[in-house]
Amino acid sequence: MSEQTAHTSKWTTLPNWKFQPFPRDTRTIITCVFLGLCMAVILQITERIDLALTGGSIPIVSAIVVCAIWVPSAAFYGFTGALITAWINPIISNLTASQPMAPFLFLTNAAHTVPVALLVWLMKAKDRGLRLWEVILIGQVGGIFDALMFGVGNRVILHLPWDFITVQLLIVQPCCFVGSFITYVIMRRLLTTGLIKKNDQADSQQAI
């Protein structure tokens, strides 16, 4: 019975950590740059897959993958992590001309990660981690803002009709839903490895 309870708890609430909206320590910046570079490498692959599937107008594969790094970065490292990981890939995408939407990715990526950091700041209790349904909800909200901004870019840059943009939104949101479960697993793994500061660790460092 205890094993079943432990298994159930893994899919209910994440271990606790201390959320800081604007961390400025060197470790955070280096970690976020590393995560941003990892995301950039992954997106260089997924963007080309999406380019082959939809001409780059609907980020089907990318929408699933971005949740795995963007949401943990924003949740664990606040707005600092949200912006660093969001803007490294657009720099590389514009330098390599990986897709026609590359100039607009600065806005679309930030439209995803900044609301995630804001929602974690508002929703996370100090005495516990996020619940699974909260991770899914946060992922959906971030995905909606991302898809809406991406739709504006499709309209401005690719001159696509609004009907197509509506279909794009309906396709991207289920992808973000699937990505939220991957996000939850990755966040739990990161928290259990000790790479993320827990509440007691952060408090002890402040006391010193």
C-alpha atoms as a PDB file:
ATOM      1  CA  MET A   1       0.000   0.000   0.000  1.00  0.00           C
ATOM      2  CA  SER A   2       2.869   2.355   0.840  1.00  0.00           C
ATOM      3  CA  GLU A   3       4.472   1.719  -2.564  1.00  0.00           C
ATOM      4  CA  GLN A   4       1.191   2.557  -4.268  1.00  0.00           C
ATOM      5  CA  THR A   5       0.894   5.739  -2.210  1.00  0.00           C
ATOM      6  CA  ALA A   6       4.468   6.748  -3.072  1.00  0.00           C
ATOM      7  CA  HIS A   7       3.827   6.068  -6.769  1.00  0.00           C
ATOM      8  CA  THR A   8       0.640   8.132  -6.622  1.00  0.00           C
ATOM      9  CA  SER A   9       2.397  11.039  -4.892  1.00  0.00           C
ATOM     10  CA  LYS A  10       4.949  11.210  -7.697  1.00  0.00           C
ATOM     11  CA  TRP A  11       2.104  12.165 -10.030  1.00  0.00           C
ATOM     12  CA  THR A  12       0.436  14.599  -7.666  1.00  0.00           C
ATOM     13  CA  THR A  13       2.978  17.082  -6.255  1.00  0.00           C
ATOM     14  CA  LEU A  14       6.589  17.940  -7.071  1.00  0.00           C
ATOM     15  CA  PRO A  15       9.217  18.215  -4.328  1.00  0.00           C
ATOM     16  CA  ASN A  16       9.463  21.718  -2.908  1.00  0.00           C
ATOM     17  CA  TRP A  17      11.953  24.387  -3.987  1.00  0.00           C
ATOM     18  CA  LYS A  18      12.355  28.093  -3.323  1.00  0.00           C
ATOM     19  CA  PHE A  19      11.199  30.240  -6.230  1.00  0.00           C
ATOM     20  CA  GLN A  20      13.151  33.462  -6.785  1.00  0.00           C
ATOM     21  CA  PRO A  21      11.678  35.799  -9.420  1.00  0.00           C
ATOM     22  CA  PHE A  22      14.955  37.568 -10.312  1.00  0.00           C
ATOM     23  CA  PRO A  23      17.989  35.482  -9.306  1.00  0.00           C
ATOM     24  CA  ARG A  24      21.274  37.131 -10.300  1.00  0.00           C
ATOM     25  CA  ASP A  25      23.903  34.704  -9.007  1.00  0.00           C
ATOM     26  CA  THR A  26      26.574  33.358 -11.335  1.00  0.00           C
ATOM     27  CA  ARG A  27      25.388  29.766 -11.004  1.00  0.00           C
ATOM     28  CA  THR A  28      21.902  30.687 -12.208  1.00  0.00           C
ATOM     29  CA  ILE A  29      23.156  32.658 -15.206  1.00  0.00           C
ATOM     30  CA  ILE A  30      25.598  29.936 -16.289  1.00  0.00           C
ATOM     31  CA  THR A  31      22.945  27.225 -15.859  1.00  0.00           C
ATOM     32  CA  CYS A  32      20.385  29.206 -17.856  1.00  0.00           C
ATOM     33  CA  VAL A  33      22.858  29.896 -20.650  1.00  0.00           C
ATOM     34  CA  PHE A  34      23.639  26.170 -20.784  1.00  0.00           C
ATOM     35  CA  LEU A  35      19.924  25.314 -20.884  1.00  0.00           C
ATOM     36  CA  GLY A  36      19.368  27.925 -23.565  1.00  0.00           C
ATOM     37  CA  LEU A  37      22.152  26.464 -25.697  1.00  0.00           C
ATOM     38  CA  CYS A  38      20.721  22.959 -25.244  1.00  0.00           C
ATOM     39  CA  MET A  39      17.317  24.268 -26.276  1.00  0.00           C
ATOM     40  CA  ALA A  40      18.855  25.999 -29.285  1.00  0.00           C
ATOM     41  CA  VAL A  41      20.496  22.794 -30.473  1.00  0.00           C
ATOM     42  CA  ILE A  42      17.244  20.862 -30.071  1.00  0.00           C
ATOM     43  CA  LEU A  43      15.204  23.547 -31.814  1.00  0.00           C
ATOM     44  CA  GLN A  44      17.601  23.659 -34.744  1.00  0.00           C
ATOM     45  CA  ILE A  45      16.431  20.090 -35.379  1.00  0.00           C
ATOM     46  CA  THR A  46      12.741  20.475 -34.566  1.00  0.00           C
ATOM     47  CA  GLU A  47      12.409  23.737 -36.523  1.00  0.00           C
ATOM     48  CA  ARG A  48      13.636  21.981 -39.636  1.00  0.00           C
ATOM     49  CA  ILE A  49      11.189  19.129 -39.033  1.00  0.00           C
ATOM     50  CA  ASP A  50       8.364  21.657 -38.666  1.00  0.00           C
ATOM     51  CA  LEU A  51       9.630  23.451 -41.772  1.00  0.00           C
ATOM     52  CA  ALA A  52       9.326  20.208 -43.721  1.00  0.00           C
ATOM     53  CA  LEU A  53       5.895  19.375 -42.249  1.00  0.00           C
ATOM     54  CA  THR A  54       4.149  22.757 -42.290  1.00  0.00           C
ATOM     55  CA  GLY A  55       6.533  25.206 -43.945  1.00  0.00           C
ATOM     56  CA  GLY A  56       7.417  26.520 -40.492  1.00  0.00           C
ATOM     57  CA  SER A  57       3.956  28.004 -39.958  1.00  0.00           C
ATOM     58  CA  ILE A  58       2.866  25.497 -37.259  1.00  0.00           C
ATOM     59  CA  PRO A  59       5.481  24.406 -34.679  1.00  0.00           C
ATOM     60  CA  ILE A  60       4.079  20.919 -34.041  1.00  0.00           C
ATOM     61  CA  VAL A  61       7.247  19.130 -32.929  1.00  0.00           C
ATOM     62  CA  SER A  62       8.800  22.239 -31.401  1.00  0.00           C
ATOM     63  CA  ALA A  63       5.706  22.885 -29.272  1.00  0.00           C
ATOM     64  CA  ILE A  64       6.127  19.510 -27.582  1.00  0.00           C
ATOM     65  CA  VAL A  65       9.858  19.872 -27.040  1.00  0.00           C
ATOM     66  CA  VAL A  66      10.104  23.479 -25.814  1.00  0.00           C
ATOM     67  CA  CYS A  67       8.078  22.728 -22.682  1.00  0.00           C
ATOM     68  CA  ALA A  68      10.803  20.351 -21.505  1.00  0.00           C
ATOM     69  CA  ILE A  69      13.318  23.185 -20.986  1.00  0.00           C
ATOM     70  CA  TRP A  70      11.429  26.471 -21.030  1.00  0.00           C
ATOM     71  CA  VAL A  71       8.988  25.620 -18.241  1.00  0.00           C
ATOM     72  CA  PRO A  72      11.629  24.198 -15.838  1.00  0.00           C
ATOM     73  CA  SER A  73      13.924  27.163 -16.583  1.00  0.00           C
ATOM     74  CA  ALA A  74      11.202  29.684 -15.785  1.00  0.00           C
ATOM     75  CA  ALA A  75       9.935  27.691 -12.779  1.00  0.00           C
ATOM     76  CA  PHE A  76      13.351  27.159 -11.174  1.00  0.00           C
ATOM     77  CA  TYR A  77      15.150  30.365 -12.215  1.00  0.00           C
ATOM     78  CA  GLY A  78      12.334  32.903 -12.496  1.00  0.00           C
ATOM     79  CA  PHE A  79      12.279  35.665 -15.080  1.00  0.00           C
ATOM     80  CA  THR A  80      16.069  35.442 -15.411  1.00  0.00           C
ATOM     81  CA  GLY A  81      15.832  31.868 -16.654  1.00  0.00           C
ATOM     82  CA  ALA A  82      12.738  32.652 -18.700  1.00  0.00           C
ATOM     83  CA  LEU A  83      14.419  35.362 -20.760  1.00  0.00           C
ATOM     84  CA  ILE A  84      17.869  33.798 -21.130  1.00  0.00           C
ATOM     85  CA  THR A  85      16.570  30.448 -22.354  1.00  0.00           C
ATOM     86  CA  ALA A  86      13.961  32.166 -24.542  1.00  0.00           C
ATOM     87  CA  TRP A  87      16.351  34.467 -26.400  1.00  0.00           C
ATOM     88  CA  ILE A  88      19.419  32.333 -27.084  1.00  0.00           C
ATOM     89  CA  ASN A  89      17.680  30.282 -29.773  1.00  0.00           C
ATOM     90  CA  PRO A  90      16.344  33.307 -31.738  1.00  0.00           C
ATOM     91  CA  ILE A  91      19.884  34.678 -31.934  1.00  0.00           C
ATOM     92  CA  ILE A  92      21.123  31.422 -33.447  1.00  0.00           C
ATOM     93  CA  SER A  93      18.033  31.038 -35.651  1.00  0.00           C
ATOM     94  CA  ASN A  94      18.559  34.490 -37.144  1.00  0.00           C
ATOM     95  CA  LEU A  95      22.257  33.868 -37.702  1.00  0.00           C
ATOM     96  CA  THR A  96      21.585  30.534 -39.430  1.00  0.00           C
ATOM     97  CA  ALA A  97      18.308  31.608 -41.122  1.00  0.00           C
ATOM     98  CA  SER A  98      16.688  28.363 -40.008  1.00  0.00           C
ATOM     99  CA  GLN A  99      13.127  29.524 -40.766  1.00  0.00           C
ATOM    100  CA  PRO A 100      11.195  32.556 -42.076  1.00  0.00           C
ATOM    101  CA  MET A 101       9.753  33.257 -38.608  1.00  0.00           C
ATOM    102  CA  ALA A 102      13.214  33.605 -37.026  1.00  0.00           C
ATOM    103  CA  PRO A 103      13.057  37.424 -36.514  1.00  0.00           C
ATOM    104  CA  PHE A 104       9.763  37.065 -34.637  1.00  0.00           C
ATOM    105  CA  LEU A 105      11.002  34.322 -32.273  1.00  0.00           C
ATOM    106  CA  PHE A 106      12.242  36.860 -29.733  1.00  0.00           C
ATOM    107  CA  LEU A 107       8.617  37.806 -29.064  1.00  0.00           C
ATOM    108  CA  THR A 108       7.053  34.348 -29.383  1.00  0.00           C
ATOM    109  CA  ASN A 109       9.560  32.682 -27.062  1.00  0.00           C
ATOM    110  CA  ALA A 110       9.277  35.384 -24.407  1.00  0.00           C
ATOM    111  CA  ALA A 111       5.490  35.207 -24.730  1.00  0.00           C
ATOM    112  CA  HIS A 112       5.773  31.580 -23.607  1.00  0.00           C
ATOM    113  CA  THR A 113       8.356  31.755 -20.832  1.00  0.00           C
ATOM    114  CA  VAL A 114       7.511  35.049 -19.099  1.00  0.00           C
ATOM    115  CA  PRO A 115       3.864  34.062 -18.340  1.00  0.00           C
ATOM    116  CA  VAL A 116       5.168  30.722 -17.039  1.00  0.00           C
ATOM    117  CA  ALA A 117       7.517  32.470 -14.587  1.00  0.00           C
ATOM    118  CA  LEU A 118       4.723  34.842 -13.544  1.00  0.00           C
ATOM    119  CA  LEU A 119       2.251  32.002 -12.945  1.00  0.00           C
ATOM    120  CA  VAL A 120       4.771  29.985 -10.918  1.00  0.00           C
ATOM    121  CA  TRP A 121       5.413  33.100  -8.824  1.00  0.00           C
ATOM    122  CA  LEU A 122       1.669  33.519  -8.200  1.00  0.00           C
ATOM    123  CA  MET A 123       0.600  29.874  -7.859  1.00  0.00           C
ATOM    124  CA  LYS A 124       3.435  28.076  -6.079  1.00  0.00           C
ATOM    125  CA  ALA A 125       2.974  27.740  -2.326  1.00  0.00           C
ATOM    126  CA  LYS A 126       6.041  28.249  -0.126  1.00  0.00           C
ATOM    127  CA  ASP A 127       5.623  24.909   1.653  1.00  0.00           C
ATOM    128  CA  ARG A 128       5.269  22.620  -1.385  1.00  0.00           C
ATOM    129  CA  GLY A 129       6.092  22.184  -5.039  1.00  0.00           C
ATOM    130  CA  LEU A 130       3.684  22.492  -7.925  1.00  0.00           C
ATOM    131  CA  ARG A 131       0.968  19.906  -8.422  1.00  0.00           C
ATOM    132  CA  LEU A 132       0.620  18.068 -11.716  1.00  0.00           C
ATOM    133  CA  TRP A 133      -2.548  19.934 -12.681  1.00  0.00           C
ATOM    134  CA  GLU A 134      -0.766  23.238 -11.960  1.00  0.00           C
ATOM    135  CA  VAL A 135       2.129  22.290 -14.250  1.00  0.00           C
ATOM    136  CA  ILE A 136      -0.369  21.375 -16.977  1.00  0.00           C
ATOM    137  CA  LEU A 137      -2.326  24.616 -16.490  1.00  0.00           C
ATOM    138  CA  ILE A 138       0.844  26.726 -16.536  1.00  0.00           C
ATOM    139  CA  GLY A 139       2.010  24.912 -19.667  1.00  0.00           C
ATOM    140  CA  GLN A 140      -1.311  25.539 -21.388  1.00  0.00           C
ATOM    141  CA  VAL A 141      -1.308  29.253 -20.564  1.00  0.00           C
ATOM    142  CA  GLY A 142       2.275  29.621 -21.768  1.00  0.00           C
ATOM    143  CA  GLY A 143       1.385  27.692 -24.903  1.00  0.00           C
ATOM    144  CA  ILE A 144      -1.628  29.924 -25.618  1.00  0.00           C
ATOM    145  CA  PHE A 145       0.407  33.142 -25.361  1.00  0.00           C
ATOM    146  CA  ASP A 146       3.135  31.578 -27.483  1.00  0.00           C
ATOM    147  CA  ALA A 147       0.665  30.406 -30.141  1.00  0.00           C
ATOM    148  CA  LEU A 148      -1.116  33.760 -30.231  1.00  0.00           C
ATOM    149  CA  MET A 149       2.145  35.648 -30.694  1.00  0.00           C
ATOM    150  CA  PHE A 150       3.271  33.083 -33.283  1.00  0.00           C
ATOM    151  CA  GLY A 151      -0.051  33.648 -35.055  1.00  0.00           C
ATOM    152  CA  VAL A 152       0.592  37.373 -35.192  1.00  0.00           C
ATOM    153  CA  GLY A 153       3.998  36.620 -36.688  1.00  0.00           C
ATOM    154  CA  ASN A 154       2.404  34.350 -39.283  1.00  0.00           C
ATOM    155  CA  ARG A 155       0.051  37.148 -40.206  1.00  0.00           C
ATOM    156  CA  VAL A 156       2.717  39.863 -40.356  1.00  0.00           C
ATOM    157  CA  ILE A 157       5.579  37.904 -41.938  1.00  0.00           C
ATOM    158  CA  LEU A 158       3.903  35.098 -43.909  1.00  0.00           C
ATOM    159  CA  HIS A 159       0.592  36.947 -44.533  1.00  0.00           C
ATOM    160  CA  LEU A 160      -1.424  33.877 -43.572  1.00  0.00           C
ATOM    161  CA  PRO A 161      -5.223  34.175 -43.097  1.00  0.00           C
ATOM    162  CA  TRP A 162      -6.734  34.325 -39.615  1.00  0.00           C
ATOM    163  CA  ASP A 163      -8.625  31.081 -40.247  1.00  0.00           C
ATOM    164  CA  PHE A 164      -5.312  29.269 -40.638  1.00  0.00           C
ATOM    165  CA  ILE A 165      -3.991  30.905 -37.468  1.00  0.00           C
ATOM    166  CA  THR A 166      -7.043  29.626 -35.559  1.00  0.00           C
ATOM    167  CA  VAL A 167      -6.345  26.094 -36.802  1.00  0.00           C
ATOM    168  CA  GLN A 168      -2.725  26.544 -35.773  1.00  0.00           C
ATOM    169  CA  LEU A 169      -3.794  27.404 -32.224  1.00  0.00           C
ATOM    170  CA  LEU A 170      -6.047  24.336 -32.054  1.00  0.00           C
ATOM    171  CA  ILE A 171      -3.131  22.137 -33.166  1.00  0.00           C
ATOM    172  CA  VAL A 172      -0.445  23.638 -30.929  1.00  0.00           C
ATOM    173  CA  GLN A 173      -2.391  23.465 -27.651  1.00  0.00           C
ATOM    174  CA  PRO A 174      -2.670  19.642 -27.574  1.00  0.00           C
ATOM    175  CA  CYS A 175       1.072  19.534 -28.289  1.00  0.00           C
ATOM    176  CA  CYS A 176       1.698  21.719 -25.239  1.00  0.00           C
ATOM    177  CA  PHE A 177      -0.574  19.439 -23.212  1.00  0.00           C
ATOM    178  CA  VAL A 178       1.539  16.413 -24.122  1.00  0.00           C
ATOM    179  CA  GLY A 179       4.697  18.401 -23.455  1.00  0.00           C
ATOM    180  CA  SER A 180       3.481  19.280 -19.942  1.00  0.00           C
ATOM    181  CA  PHE A 181       3.697  15.637 -18.860  1.00  0.00           C
ATOM    182  CA  ILE A 182       7.268  15.469 -20.166  1.00  0.00           C
ATOM    183  CA  THR A 183       7.945  18.716 -18.311  1.00  0.00           C
ATOM    184  CA  TYR A 184       6.607  17.292 -15.047  1.00  0.00           C
ATOM    185  CA  VAL A 185       8.882  14.241 -15.285  1.00  0.00           C
ATOM    186  CA  ILE A 186      11.947  16.379 -16.067  1.00  0.00           C
ATOM    187  CA  MET A 187      11.202  18.797 -13.219  1.00  0.00           C
ATOM    188  CA  ARG A 188      10.883  15.905 -10.763  1.00  0.00           C
ATOM    189  CA  ARG A 189      14.152  14.408 -11.990  1.00  0.00           C
ATOM    190  CA  LEU A 190      15.965  17.720 -11.595  1.00  0.00           C
ATOM    191  CA  LEU A 191      14.591  18.229  -8.089  1.00  0.00           C
ATOM    192  CA  THR A 192      15.556  14.744  -6.927  1.00  0.00           C
ATOM    193  CA  THR A 193      19.126  15.076  -8.242  1.00  0.00           C
ATOM    194  CA  GLY A 194      19.833  18.039  -5.971  1.00  0.00           C
ATOM    195  CA  LEU A 195      20.690  20.398  -8.839  1.00  0.00           C
ATOM    196  CA  ILE A 196      17.883  22.741  -7.793  1.00  0.00           C
ATOM    197  CA  LYS A 197      18.141  24.583  -4.475  1.00  0.00           C
ATOM    198  CA  LYS A 198      15.568  23.523  -1.920  1.00  0.00           C
ATOM    199  CA  ASN A 199      13.982  25.946   0.533  1.00  0.00           C
ATOM    200  CA  ASP A 200      16.248  24.955   3.401  1.00  0.00           C
ATOM    201  CA  GLN A 201      19.382  25.245   1.240  1.00  0.00           C
ATOM    202  CA  ALA A 202      18.483  28.731   0.044  1.00  0.00           C
ATOM    203  CA  ASP A 203      17.634  29.890   3.565  1.00  0.00           C
ATOM    204  CA  SER A 204      20.905  28.546   4.987  1.00  0.00           C
ATOM    205  CA  GLN A 205      22.927  30.316   2.286  1.00  0.00           C
ATOM    206  CA  GLN A 206      21.150  33.602   3.012  1.00  0.00           C
ATOM    207  CA  ALA A 207      21.856  33.160   6.717  1.00  0.00           C
ATOM    208  CA  ILE A 208      25.570  32.683   6.015  1.00  0.00           C
END
